[in-house]
Protein backbone atom coordinates (compact mmCIF):
# COMPACT_ATOMS: atom_id res chain seq x y z
CA MET A 1 -13.16 30.50 9.80
CA ALA A 2 -14.84 27.70 11.87
CA ASN A 3 -13.22 24.30 12.39
CA PRO A 4 -14.90 21.86 9.99
CA ILE A 5 -15.26 19.28 12.75
CA ASP A 6 -16.95 21.82 15.02
CA VAL A 7 -19.57 22.74 12.17
CA VAL A 8 -20.20 18.99 11.83
CA ASN A 9 -20.67 18.55 15.54
CA LYS A 10 -23.18 21.41 15.42
CA LEU A 11 -25.01 19.80 12.68
CA VAL A 12 -25.19 16.49 14.55
CA GLN A 13 -26.72 18.48 17.63
CA ILE A 14 -29.33 19.98 15.28
CA GLY A 15 -30.06 16.56 13.82
CA LYS A 16 -30.67 15.19 17.29
CA THR A 17 -32.99 18.11 18.09
CA LEU A 18 -34.84 17.40 14.96
CA ARG A 19 -34.99 13.86 15.89
CA ASP A 20 -36.70 14.74 19.11
CA VAL A 21 -39.10 16.93 17.44
CA ALA A 22 -40.03 14.12 14.97
CA GLU A 23 -40.50 11.90 17.87
CA LEU A 24 -43.12 14.34 19.24
CA VAL A 25 -44.72 14.66 15.84
CA LYS A 26 -44.81 10.88 15.28
CA ASP A 27 -44.19 11.36 11.64
CA ALA A 28 -42.31 8.37 10.21
CA GLU A 29 -41.22 10.01 7.07
CA THR A 30 -39.60 12.86 9.00
CA LYS A 31 -37.87 10.37 11.23
CA ASN A 32 -36.31 8.53 8.31
CA LEU A 33 -35.10 11.82 6.74
CA ILE A 34 -33.48 12.81 10.07
CA ALA A 35 -31.85 9.33 10.34
CA ASP A 36 -30.52 9.73 6.79
CA LEU A 37 -29.25 13.20 7.75
CA ASN A 38 -27.41 11.85 10.91
CA LEU A 39 -25.92 8.90 8.74
CA ALA A 40 -24.87 11.47 6.21
CA LEU A 41 -23.28 13.74 9.10
CA ALA A 42 -21.47 10.76 10.52
CA ASP A 43 -19.99 9.86 7.12
CA LEU A 44 -18.89 13.65 6.69
CA LYS A 45 -17.35 13.64 10.15
CA MET A 46 -15.20 10.57 9.29
CA GLN A 47 -14.20 12.03 6.00
CA LEU A 48 -13.12 15.15 7.58
CA ALA A 49 -11.08 13.32 10.22
CA GLU A 50 -9.22 11.36 7.37
CA ILE A 51 -8.62 14.66 5.57
CA GLN A 52 -7.26 16.22 8.67
CA GLU A 53 -4.92 13.27 9.35
CA GLU A 54 -3.86 13.43 5.67
CA LYS A 55 -3.05 17.17 5.98
CA LEU A 56 -0.98 16.57 9.07
CA GLU A 57 0.98 13.76 7.37
CA LEU A 58 1.48 16.13 4.30
CA ASN A 59 2.67 18.97 6.49
CA LYS A 60 5.15 16.64 8.20
CA ARG A 61 6.52 15.53 4.76
CA ILE A 62 6.82 19.15 3.64
CA LYS A 63 8.84 20.03 6.68
CA THR A 64 11.14 17.05 6.18
CA LEU A 65 11.55 17.97 2.56
CA GLU A 66 12.32 21.59 3.35
CA ALA A 67 14.87 20.59 6.01
CA ALA A 68 16.49 18.10 3.58
CA HIS A 69 16.60 20.96 0.97
CA ASP A 70 18.14 23.42 3.41
CA ILE A 71 20.78 20.91 4.49
CA ARG A 72 21.57 20.04 0.65
CA ALA A 73 22.17 23.69 0.02
CA LYS A 74 24.90 23.75 2.77
CA LEU A 75 26.75 20.72 1.51
CA GLN A 76 29.50 20.45 -1.02
CA VAL A 77 31.19 17.54 -2.56
CA GLU A 78 34.98 17.13 -2.03
CA ASN A 79 36.82 14.01 -2.50
CA ASP A 80 33.63 12.14 -3.43
CA VAL A 81 32.06 12.88 -0.08
CA TYR A 82 29.86 15.57 1.26
CA TRP A 83 31.21 18.14 3.60
CA PHE A 84 29.40 21.40 5.02
CA LYS A 85 30.49 24.61 3.41
CA GLU A 86 29.95 26.66 6.51
CA THR A 87 29.17 25.92 10.09
CA PRO A 88 27.17 22.69 10.37
CA PRO A 89 23.77 22.32 12.15
CA THR A 90 24.12 21.91 15.88
CA GLY A 91 25.44 18.72 16.82
CA ARG A 92 26.93 17.74 13.33
CA ALA A 93 30.56 17.61 12.24
CA PHE A 94 31.76 19.36 9.06
CA GLY A 95 31.95 15.94 7.54
CA PRO A 96 32.68 13.63 5.70
CA TYR A 97 29.06 12.38 5.05
CA CYS A 98 28.08 9.46 2.88
CA PRO A 99 26.64 10.63 -0.49
CA GLY A 100 24.96 7.25 -1.03
CA CYS A 101 22.94 7.52 2.22
CA PHE A 102 22.20 11.22 1.72
CA ASP A 103 21.25 11.03 -1.94
CA GLY A 104 19.25 7.82 -1.52
CA SER A 105 17.35 8.61 1.72
CA GLU A 106 18.46 11.96 2.80
CA LYS A 107 20.19 10.63 5.90
CA LEU A 108 23.36 12.30 7.04
CA VAL A 109 25.70 9.44 7.99
CA LEU A 110 29.10 10.36 9.17
CA LEU A 111 31.82 8.52 7.39
CA LYS A 112 34.64 6.72 9.16
CA GLU A 113 38.28 6.82 8.10
CA ALA A 114 39.38 3.51 6.68
CA GLN A 115 42.20 1.67 8.06
CA HIS A 116 45.52 3.07 6.73
CA HIS A 117 46.69 -0.03 4.90
CA LEU A 118 43.24 -0.24 3.09
CA GLU A 119 43.08 3.33 2.13
CA LYS A 120 44.82 2.94 -1.21
CA VAL A 121 42.54 0.01 -2.21
CA GLN A 122 39.28 0.73 -0.75
CA GLY A 123 39.18 4.49 -0.26
CA LYS A 124 39.82 6.93 2.51
CA TYR A 125 36.35 6.78 4.01
CA ALA A 126 33.91 3.89 4.80
CA CYS A 127 30.19 4.21 5.49
CA PRO A 128 29.05 2.30 8.51
CA ILE A 129 25.43 2.10 7.05
CA CYS A 130 25.76 1.28 3.37
CA LYS A 131 29.37 -0.23 3.66
CA GLN A 132 30.45 1.82 0.57
CA HIS A 133 34.03 3.21 0.41
CA PHE A 134 34.88 6.74 -0.90
CA GLY A 135 37.84 8.76 -1.82
CA SER A 136 40.01 6.18 -3.40
CA LEU A 137 43.25 7.13 -4.87
CA TYR A 138 42.49 4.73 -7.75
CA LYS A 139 39.25 5.30 -9.71
CA ARG A 140 37.39 1.96 -10.40
């Protein structure tokens, strides 16, 4: 299947050839029709470029969603936070990860352990991004 942009470029070339022929014929009506054809082809070319750009963006979004889905399938909740069930992806720790950041924006944010004296009140883990605390001994 030919690339739509290549097809439009070929049509533009044909339009230019027709314009040259109309110049020789000195037919004003033919010249106007060819000018209209060239304008329509230019519009079509712009629309195709926009469609291709949109397609690229959609493909990028699909890959992002697929990656998030793959990661979600590998996570489990334990003590109110996410942990990888199996070997985590390269460069990632087993956990714990912030459920608020992952559920809200699909970002894996590694939690930090809370200071020992605050653990009972605020929770065992603190998120450096959303500032939430997790794993409290006391449910609020």
